[in-house]
PDB file of all heavy atoms in Angstrom:
ATOM      1  N   PRO A   1       0.846  -1.223  -0.018  1.00  0.00           N
ATOM      2  CA  PRO A   1       0.010  -0.011  -0.018  1.00  0.00           C
ATOM      3  C   PRO A   1       0.897   1.244  -0.034  1.00  0.00           C
ATOM      4  O   PRO A   1       2.022   1.206   0.461  1.00  0.00           O
ATOM      5  CB  PRO A   1      -0.795  -0.109   1.324  1.00  0.00           C
ATOM      6  CG  PRO A   1      -0.767  -1.547   1.687  1.00  0.00           C
ATOM      7  CD  PRO A   1       0.561  -2.057   1.141  1.00  0.00           C
ATOM      8  N   TYR A   2       0.347   2.378  -0.483  1.00  0.00           N
ATOM      9  CA  TYR A   2       1.109   3.590  -0.666  1.00  0.00           C
ATOM     10  C   TYR A   2       1.783   4.042   0.591  1.00  0.00           C
ATOM     11  O   TYR A   2       2.946   4.382   0.611  1.00  0.00           O
ATOM     12  CB  TYR A   2       0.157   4.705  -1.202  1.00  0.00           C
ATOM     13  CG  TYR A   2       0.927   5.970  -1.640  1.00  0.00           C
ATOM     14  CD1 TYR A   2       1.484   6.065  -2.870  1.00  0.00           C
ATOM     15  CD2 TYR A   2       1.077   6.998  -0.742  1.00  0.00           C
ATOM     16  CE1 TYR A   2       2.145   7.198  -3.261  1.00  0.00           C
ATOM     17  CE2 TYR A   2       1.745   8.151  -1.105  1.00  0.00           C
ATOM     18  CZ  TYR A   2       2.319   8.226  -2.385  1.00  0.00           C
ATOM     19  OH  TYR A   2       2.969   9.363  -2.747  1.00  0.00           O
ATOM     20  N   GLY A   3       1.065   4.014   1.736  1.00  0.00           N
ATOM     21  CA  GLY A   3       1.658   4.511   2.987  1.00  0.00           C
ATOM     22  C   GLY A   3       2.832   3.607   3.405  1.00  0.00           C
ATOM     23  O   GLY A   3       3.791   4.146   3.973  1.00  0.00           O
ATOM     24  N   LEU A   4       2.757   2.322   3.091  1.00  0.00           N
ATOM     25  CA  LEU A   4       3.880   1.428   3.461  1.00  0.00           C
ATOM     26  C   LEU A   4       5.072   1.597   2.505  1.00  0.00           C
ATOM     27  O   LEU A   4       6.202   1.438   2.903  1.00  0.00           O
ATOM     28  CB  LEU A   4       3.407  -0.007   3.449  1.00  0.00           C
ATOM     29  CG  LEU A   4       2.360  -0.441   4.429  1.00  0.00           C
ATOM     30  CD1 LEU A   4       2.116  -1.923   4.490  1.00  0.00           C
ATOM     31  CD2 LEU A   4       2.702   0.082   5.868  1.00  0.00           C
ATOM     32  N   GLN A   5       4.767   2.010   1.272  1.00  0.00           N
ATOM     33  CA  GLN A   5       5.854   2.349   0.319  1.00  0.00           C
ATOM     34  C   GLN A   5       6.625   3.541   0.868  1.00  0.00           C
ATOM     35  O   GLN A   5       7.875   3.622   0.800  1.00  0.00           O
ATOM     36  CB  GLN A   5       5.316   2.648  -1.061  1.00  0.00           C
ATOM     37  CG  GLN A   5       4.814   1.401  -1.755  1.00  0.00           C
ATOM     38  CD  GLN A   5       4.429   1.647  -3.186  1.00  0.00           C
ATOM     39  OE1 GLN A   5       4.883   2.612  -3.825  1.00  0.00           O
ATOM     40  NE2 GLN A   5       3.493   0.901  -3.723  1.00  0.00           N
ATOM     41  N   ARG A   6       5.926   4.556   1.414  1.00  0.00           N
ATOM     42  CA  ARG A   6       6.560   5.659   2.055  1.00  0.00           C
ATOM     43  C   ARG A   6       7.504   5.242   3.155  1.00  0.00           C
ATOM     44  O   ARG A   6       8.671   5.769   3.288  1.00  0.00           O
ATOM     45  CB  ARG A   6       5.523   6.690   2.552  1.00  0.00           C
ATOM     46  CG  ARG A   6       4.832   7.495   1.482  1.00  0.00           C
ATOM     47  CD  ARG A   6       5.745   8.596   0.956  1.00  0.00           C
ATOM     48  NE  ARG A   6       5.144   9.396  -0.021  1.00  0.00           N
ATOM     49  CZ  ARG A   6       5.794  10.268  -0.820  1.00  0.00           C
ATOM     50  NH1 ARG A   6       7.099  10.434  -0.683  1.00  0.00           N
ATOM     51  NH2 ARG A   6       5.166  11.023  -1.737  1.00  0.00           N
ATOM     52  N   ARG A   7       7.018   4.340   3.992  1.00  0.00           N
ATOM     53  CA  ARG A   7       7.796   3.876   5.134  1.00  0.00           C
ATOM     54  C   ARG A   7       9.059   3.126   4.624  1.00  0.00           C
ATOM     55  O   ARG A   7      10.131   3.251   5.190  1.00  0.00           O
ATOM     56  CB  ARG A   7       6.993   2.973   6.013  1.00  0.00           C
ATOM     57  CG  ARG A   7       5.989   3.767   6.885  1.00  0.00           C
ATOM     58  CD  ARG A   7       5.041   2.791   7.644  1.00  0.00           C
ATOM     59  NE  ARG A   7       4.230   3.590   8.583  1.00  0.00           N
ATOM     60  CZ  ARG A   7       4.609   3.898   9.841  1.00  0.00           C
ATOM     61  NH1 ARG A   7       5.728   3.436  10.307  1.00  0.00           N
ATOM     62  NH2 ARG A   7       3.753   4.556  10.633  1.00  0.00           N
ATOM     63  N   LEU A   8       8.855   2.355   3.535  1.00  0.00           N
ATOM     64  CA  LEU A   8       9.996   1.548   3.010  1.00  0.00           C
ATOM     65  C   LEU A   8      11.043   2.472   2.483  1.00  0.00           C
ATOM     66  O   LEU A   8      12.267   2.219   2.660  1.00  0.00           O
ATOM     67  CB  LEU A   8       9.447   0.593   1.899  1.00  0.00           C
ATOM     68  CG  LEU A   8      10.516  -0.189   1.179  1.00  0.00           C
ATOM     69  CD1 LEU A   8      11.299  -1.084   2.133  1.00  0.00           C
ATOM     70  CD2 LEU A   8       9.866  -1.066   0.083  1.00  0.00           C
ATOM     71  N   GLU A   9      10.618   3.584   1.870  1.00  0.00           N
ATOM     72  CA  GLU A   9      11.617   4.530   1.296  1.00  0.00           C
ATOM     73  C   GLU A   9      12.469   5.137   2.413  1.00  0.00           C
ATOM     74  O   GLU A   9      13.641   5.337   2.350  1.00  0.00           O
ATOM     75  CB  GLU A   9      10.923   5.603   0.486  1.00  0.00           C
ATOM     76  CG  GLU A   9      11.927   6.390  -0.320  1.00  0.00           C
ATOM     77  CD  GLU A   9      11.270   7.358  -1.278  1.00  0.00           C
ATOM     78  OE1 GLU A   9      10.195   7.898  -0.994  1.00  0.00           O
ATOM     79  OE2 GLU A   9      11.785   7.522  -2.409  1.00  0.00           O
ATOM     80  N   ILE A  10      11.761   5.404   3.568  1.00  0.00           N
ATOM     81  CA  ILE A  10      12.513   5.972   4.711  1.00  0.00           C
ATOM     82  C   ILE A  10      13.447   4.927   5.254  1.00  0.00           C
ATOM     83  O   ILE A  10      14.584   5.218   5.594  1.00  0.00           O
ATOM     84  CB  ILE A  10      11.488   6.451   5.800  1.00  0.00           C
ATOM     85  CG1 ILE A  10      10.722   7.691   5.302  1.00  0.00           C
ATOM     86  CG2 ILE A  10      12.244   6.750   7.102  1.00  0.00           C
ATOM     87  CD1 ILE A  10       9.586   8.129   6.248  1.00  0.00           C
ATOM     88  N   GLY A  11      12.988   3.663   5.319  1.00  0.00           N
ATOM     89  CA  GLY A  11      13.861   2.609   5.813  1.00  0.00           C
ATOM     90  C   GLY A  11      15.076   2.432   4.934  1.00  0.00           C
ATOM     91  O   GLY A  11      16.249   2.272   5.442  1.00  0.00           O
ATOM     92  N   ARG A  12      14.928   2.521   3.640  1.00  0.00           N
ATOM     93  CA  ARG A  12      16.112   2.410   2.721  1.00  0.00           C
ATOM     94  C   ARG A  12      17.034   3.560   2.936  1.00  0.00           C
ATOM     95  O   ARG A  12      18.278   3.396   2.876  1.00  0.00           O
ATOM     96  CB  ARG A  12      15.619   2.380   1.243  1.00  0.00           C
ATOM     97  CG  ARG A  12      16.739   2.157   0.248  1.00  0.00           C
ATOM     98  CD  ARG A  12      16.213   2.153  -1.162  1.00  0.00           C
ATOM     99  NE  ARG A  12      15.633   3.414  -1.586  1.00  0.00           N
ATOM    100  CZ  ARG A  12      15.023   3.705  -2.725  1.00  0.00           C
ATOM    101  NH1 ARG A  12      14.908   2.679  -3.611  1.00  0.00           N
ATOM    102  NH2 ARG A  12      14.520   4.865  -3.039  1.00  0.00           N
ATOM    103  N   ALA A  13      16.496   4.755   3.131  1.00  0.00           N
ATOM    104  CA  ALA A  13      17.363   5.889   3.381  1.00  0.00           C
ATOM    105  C   ALA A  13      18.179   5.756   4.660  1.00  0.00           C
ATOM    106  O   ALA A  13      19.321   6.115   4.786  1.00  0.00           O
ATOM    107  CB  ALA A  13      16.539   7.168   3.418  1.00  0.00           C
ATOM    108  N   LEU A  14      17.515   5.132   5.684  1.00  0.00           N
ATOM    109  CA  LEU A  14      18.207   4.975   7.007  1.00  0.00           C
ATOM    110  C   LEU A  14      19.269   3.868   6.909  1.00  0.00           C
ATOM    111  O   LEU A  14      20.185   3.866   7.757  1.00  0.00           O
ATOM    112  CB  LEU A  14      17.133   4.591   8.026  1.00  0.00           C
ATOM    113  CG  LEU A  14      16.212   5.681   8.482  1.00  0.00           C
ATOM    114  CD1 LEU A  14      15.133   5.131   9.413  1.00  0.00           C
ATOM    115  CD2 LEU A  14      16.968   6.800   9.146  1.00  0.00           C
ATOM    116  N   ALA A  15      19.138   2.956   5.908  1.00  0.00           N
ATOM    117  CA  ALA A  15      20.124   1.891   5.869  1.00  0.00           C
ATOM    118  C   ALA A  15      21.543   2.381   5.606  1.00  0.00           C
ATOM    119  O   ALA A  15      22.508   1.718   5.980  1.00  0.00           O
ATOM    120  CB  ALA A  15      19.763   0.947   4.683  1.00  0.00           C
ATOM    121  N   ASN A  16      21.695   3.623   5.074  1.00  0.00           N
ATOM    122  CA  ASN A  16      22.994   4.203   4.856  1.00  0.00           C
ATOM    123  C   ASN A  16      23.634   4.710   6.100  1.00  0.00           C
ATOM    124  O   ASN A  16      24.754   5.283   6.052  1.00  0.00           O
ATOM    125  CB  ASN A  16      22.836   5.268   3.797  1.00  0.00           C
ATOM    126  CG  ASN A  16      24.181   5.880   3.370  1.00  0.00           C
ATOM    127  OD1 ASN A  16      25.162   5.149   3.118  1.00  0.00           O
ATOM    128  ND2 ASN A  16      24.248   7.207   3.269  1.00  0.00           N
ATOM    129  N   GLN A  17      22.907   4.609   7.232  1.00  0.00           N
ATOM    130  CA  GLN A  17      23.390   5.174   8.522  1.00  0.00           C
ATOM    131  C   GLN A  17      23.747   6.630   8.398  1.00  0.00           C
ATOM    132  O   GLN A  17      24.856   7.083   8.737  1.00  0.00           O
ATOM    133  CB  GLN A  17      24.589   4.357   9.011  1.00  0.00           C
ATOM    134  CG  GLN A  17      24.279   2.882   9.266  1.00  0.00           C
ATOM    135  CD  GLN A  17      25.522   2.093   9.693  1.00  0.00           C
ATOM    136  OE1 GLN A  17      26.565   2.674  10.013  1.00  0.00           O
ATOM    137  NE2 GLN A  17      25.386   0.800   9.771  1.00  0.00           N
ATOM    138  N   PRO A  18      22.809   7.454   7.903  1.00  0.00           N
ATOM    139  CA  PRO A  18      23.076   8.817   7.654  1.00  0.00           C
ATOM    140  C   PRO A  18      23.172   9.704   8.905  1.00  0.00           C
ATOM    141  O   PRO A  18      22.543   9.352   9.925  1.00  0.00           O
ATOM    142  CB  PRO A  18      21.913   9.309   6.805  1.00  0.00           C
ATOM    143  CG  PRO A  18      20.786   8.478   7.240  1.00  0.00           C
ATOM    144  CD  PRO A  18      21.358   7.120   7.557  1.00  0.00           C
ATOM    145  N   LYS A  19      23.976  10.737   8.850  1.00  0.00           N
ATOM    146  CA  LYS A  19      23.950  11.768   9.893  1.00  0.00           C
ATOM    147  C   LYS A  19      22.868  12.788   9.589  1.00  0.00           C
ATOM    148  O   LYS A  19      22.348  13.430  10.499  1.00  0.00           O
ATOM    149  CB  LYS A  19      25.308  12.464   9.948  1.00  0.00           C
ATOM    150  CG  LYS A  19      26.474  11.506  10.347  1.00  0.00           C
ATOM    151  CD  LYS A  19      27.785  12.323  10.370  1.00  0.00           C
ATOM    152  CE  LYS A  19      28.952  11.410  10.698  1.00  0.00           C
ATOM    153  NZ  LYS A  19      29.226  10.451   9.655  1.00  0.00           N
ATOM    154  N   LEU A  20      22.560  12.916   8.291  1.00  0.00           N
ATOM    155  CA  LEU A  20      21.523  13.909   7.855  1.00  0.00           C
ATOM    156  C   LEU A  20      20.571  13.197   6.990  1.00  0.00           C
ATOM    157  O   LEU A  20      20.939  12.603   5.984  1.00  0.00           O
ATOM    158  CB  LEU A  20      22.178  15.077   7.093  1.00  0.00           C
ATOM    159  CG  LEU A  20      21.249  16.066   6.500  1.00  0.00           C
ATOM    160  CD1 LEU A  20      20.383  16.779   7.522  1.00  0.00           C
ATOM    161  CD2 LEU A  20      22.015  17.117   5.609  1.00  0.00           C
ATOM    162  N   LEU A  21      19.296  13.309   7.257  1.00  0.00           N
ATOM    163  CA  LEU A  21      18.156  12.677   6.497  1.00  0.00           C
ATOM    164  C   LEU A  21      17.269  13.745   5.897  1.00  0.00           C
ATOM    165  O   LEU A  21      16.746  14.595   6.619  1.00  0.00           O
ATOM    166  CB  LEU A  21      17.357  11.767   7.427  1.00  0.00           C
ATOM    167  CG  LEU A  21      16.220  10.973   6.735  1.00  0.00           C
ATOM    168  CD1 LEU A  21      16.692  10.060   5.629  1.00  0.00           C
ATOM    169  CD2 LEU A  21      15.392  10.224   7.786  1.00  0.00           C
ATOM    170  N   LEU A  22      17.199  13.758   4.562  1.00  0.00           N
ATOM    171  CA  LEU A  22      16.363  14.731   3.823  1.00  0.00           C
ATOM    172  C   LEU A  22      15.020  14.017   3.436  1.00  0.00           C
ATOM    173  O   LEU A  22      15.079  13.046   2.729  1.00  0.00           O
ATOM    174  CB  LEU A  22      17.088  15.243   2.625  1.00  0.00           C
ATOM    175  CG  LEU A  22      18.496  15.779   2.798  1.00  0.00           C
ATOM    176  CD1 LEU A  22      19.128  16.119   1.435  1.00  0.00           C
ATOM    177  CD2 LEU A  22      18.487  16.981   3.676  1.00  0.00           C
ATOM    178  N   LEU A  23      13.940  14.482   3.941  1.00  0.00           N
ATOM    179  CA  LEU A  23      12.662  13.935   3.642  1.00  0.00           C
ATOM    180  C   LEU A  23      11.831  14.931   2.778  1.00  0.00           C
ATOM    181  O   LEU A  23      11.432  15.979   3.216  1.00  0.00           O
ATOM    182  CB  LEU A  23      11.859  13.632   4.973  1.00  0.00           C
ATOM    183  CG  LEU A  23      12.492  12.634   5.922  1.00  0.00           C
ATOM    184  CD1 LEU A  23      11.669  12.455   7.177  1.00  0.00           C
ATOM    185  CD2 LEU A  23      12.738  11.247   5.242  1.00  0.00           C
ATOM    186  N   ASP A  24      11.579  14.513   1.563  1.00  0.00           N
ATOM    187  CA  ASP A  24      10.870  15.380   0.625  1.00  0.00           C
ATOM    188  C   ASP A  24       9.385  14.985   0.486  1.00  0.00           C
ATOM    189  O   ASP A  24       9.003  14.017  -0.093  1.00  0.00           O
ATOM    190  CB  ASP A  24      11.510  15.303  -0.789  1.00  0.00           C
ATOM    191  CG  ASP A  24      11.083  16.397  -1.718  1.00  0.00           C
ATOM    192  OD1 ASP A  24      10.163  17.227  -1.390  1.00  0.00           O
ATOM    193  OD2 ASP A  24      11.620  16.540  -2.839  1.00  0.00           O
ATOM    194  N   GLU A  25       8.534  15.763   1.236  1.00  0.00           N
ATOM    195  CA  GLU A  25       7.075  15.571   1.290  1.00  0.00           C
ATOM    196  C   GLU A  25       6.762  14.093   1.644  1.00  0.00           C
ATOM    197  O   GLU A  25       6.076  13.450   0.884  1.00  0.00           O
ATOM    198  CB  GLU A  25       6.454  15.986  -0.039  1.00  0.00           C
ATOM    199  CG  GLU A  25       6.621  17.473  -0.334  1.00  0.00           C
ATOM    200  CD  GLU A  25       5.705  17.975  -1.444  1.00  0.00           C
ATOM    201  OE1 GLU A  25       4.561  17.417  -1.562  1.00  0.00           O
ATOM    202  OE2 GLU A  25       6.080  18.870  -2.158  1.00  0.00           O
ATOM    203  N   PRO A  26       7.150  13.613   2.805  1.00  0.00           N
ATOM    204  CA  PRO A  26       6.912  12.209   3.150  1.00  0.00           C
ATOM    205  C   PRO A  26       5.454  11.841   3.358  1.00  0.00           C
ATOM    206  O   PRO A  26       5.105  10.708   3.261  1.00  0.00           O
ATOM    207  CB  PRO A  26       7.704  12.049   4.499  1.00  0.00           C
ATOM    208  CG  PRO A  26       7.780  13.435   5.069  1.00  0.00           C
ATOM    209  CD  PRO A  26       7.889  14.361   3.831  1.00  0.00           C
ATOM    210  N   THR A  27       4.541  12.856   3.666  1.00  0.00           N
ATOM    211  CA  THR A  27       3.170  12.544   3.850  1.00  0.00           C
ATOM    212  C   THR A  27       2.345  12.708   2.599  1.00  0.00           C
ATOM    213  O   THR A  27       1.127  12.520   2.536  1.00  0.00           O
ATOM    214  CB  THR A  27       2.493  13.409   4.999  1.00  0.00           C
ATOM    215  OG1 THR A  27       2.416  14.809   4.510  1.00  0.00           O
ATOM    216  CG2 THR A  27       3.361  13.351   6.210  1.00  0.00           C
ATOM    217  N   ALA A  28       2.948  13.090   1.451  1.00  0.00           N
ATOM    218  CA  ALA A  28       2.191  13.318   0.215  1.00  0.00           C
ATOM    219  C   ALA A  28       1.495  12.054  -0.207  1.00  0.00           C
ATOM    220  O   ALA A  28       2.092  10.958  -0.302  1.00  0.00           O
ATOM    221  CB  ALA A  28       3.141  13.782  -0.872  1.00  0.00           C
ATOM    222  N   GLY A  29       0.179  12.180  -0.431  1.00  0.00           N
ATOM    223  CA  GLY A  29      -0.619  11.045  -0.926  1.00  0.00           C
ATOM    224  C   GLY A  29      -1.021  10.091   0.198  1.00  0.00           C
ATOM    225  O   GLY A  29      -1.732   9.077  -0.134  1.00  0.00           O
ATOM    226  N   MET A  30      -0.620  10.305   1.402  1.00  0.00           N
ATOM    227  CA  MET A  30      -0.945   9.407   2.445  1.00  0.00           C
ATOM    228  C   MET A  30      -2.390   9.665   3.013  1.00  0.00           C
ATOM    229  O   MET A  30      -2.828  10.782   3.040  1.00  0.00           O
ATOM    230  CB  MET A  30       0.039   9.514   3.652  1.00  0.00           C
ATOM    231  CG  MET A  30       1.373   8.986   3.332  1.00  0.00           C
ATOM    232  SD  MET A  30       2.502   9.001   4.740  1.00  0.00           S
ATOM    233  CE  MET A  30       1.822   7.630   5.714  1.00  0.00           C
ATOM    234  N   ALA A  31      -3.060   8.609   3.485  1.00  0.00           N
ATOM    235  CA  ALA A  31      -4.341   8.771   4.062  1.00  0.00           C
ATOM    236  C   ALA A  31      -4.197   9.537   5.412  1.00  0.00           C
ATOM    237  O   ALA A  31      -3.164   9.429   6.067  1.00  0.00           O
ATOM    238  CB  ALA A  31      -4.991   7.334   4.379  1.00  0.00           C
ATOM    239  N   THR A  32      -5.229  10.321   5.765  1.00  0.00           N
ATOM    240  CA  THR A  32      -5.114  11.223   7.003  1.00  0.00           C
ATOM    241  C   THR A  32      -4.789  10.385   8.226  1.00  0.00           C
ATOM    242  O   THR A  32      -4.002  10.794   9.049  1.00  0.00           O
ATOM    243  CB  THR A  32      -6.437  11.918   7.148  1.00  0.00           C
ATOM    244  OG1 THR A  32      -6.706  12.684   6.022  1.00  0.00           O
ATOM    245  CG2 THR A  32      -6.395  12.868   8.328  1.00  0.00           C
ATOM    246  N   ASP A  33      -5.389   9.115   8.299  1.00  0.00           N
ATOM    247  CA  ASP A  33      -5.167   8.375   9.535  1.00  0.00           C
ATOM    248  C   ASP A  33      -3.760   7.808   9.654  1.00  0.00           C
ATOM    249  O   ASP A  33      -3.359   7.243  10.686  1.00  0.00           O
ATOM    250  CB  ASP A  33      -6.257   7.272   9.679  1.00  0.00           C
ATOM    251  CG  ASP A  33      -6.178   6.296   8.498  1.00  0.00           C
ATOM    252  OD1 ASP A  33      -5.485   6.554   7.517  1.00  0.00           O
ATOM    253  OD2 ASP A  33      -6.959   5.241   8.601  1.00  0.00           O
ATOM    254  N   GLN A  34      -3.018   7.831   8.557  1.00  0.00           N
ATOM    255  CA  GLN A  34      -1.644   7.301   8.497  1.00  0.00           C
ATOM    256  C   GLN A  34      -0.590   8.362   8.977  1.00  0.00           C
ATOM    257  O   GLN A  34       0.497   8.036   9.333  1.00  0.00           O
ATOM    258  CB  GLN A  34      -1.246   6.752   7.139  1.00  0.00           C
ATOM    259  CG  GLN A  34      -2.057   5.573   6.644  1.00  0.00           C
ATOM    260  CD  GLN A  34      -1.737   5.169   5.255  1.00  0.00           C
ATOM    261  OE1 GLN A  34      -1.493   5.982   4.397  1.00  0.00           O
ATOM    262  NE2 GLN A  34      -1.671   3.860   4.987  1.00  0.00           N
ATOM    263  N   VAL A  35      -1.004   9.595   8.890  1.00  0.00           N
ATOM    264  CA  VAL A  35      -0.046  10.721   9.129  1.00  0.00           C
ATOM    265  C   VAL A  35       0.455  10.764  10.536  1.00  0.00           C
ATOM    266  O   VAL A  35       1.675  10.975  10.768  1.00  0.00           O
ATOM    267  CB  VAL A  35      -0.678  12.087   8.721  1.00  0.00           C
ATOM    268  CG1 VAL A  35       0.199  13.259   9.150  1.00  0.00           C
ATOM    269  CG2 VAL A  35      -0.934  12.138   7.246  1.00  0.00           C
TER     270      VAL A  35
END
């Protein structure tokens, strides 16, 4: 589902063990109850 794809993308970004995480409109297209 779309909301889980958003979470997966954040998980992939975190896999790099970043010091700085850039999130570009992470709630775009998400259902209100998922926010």
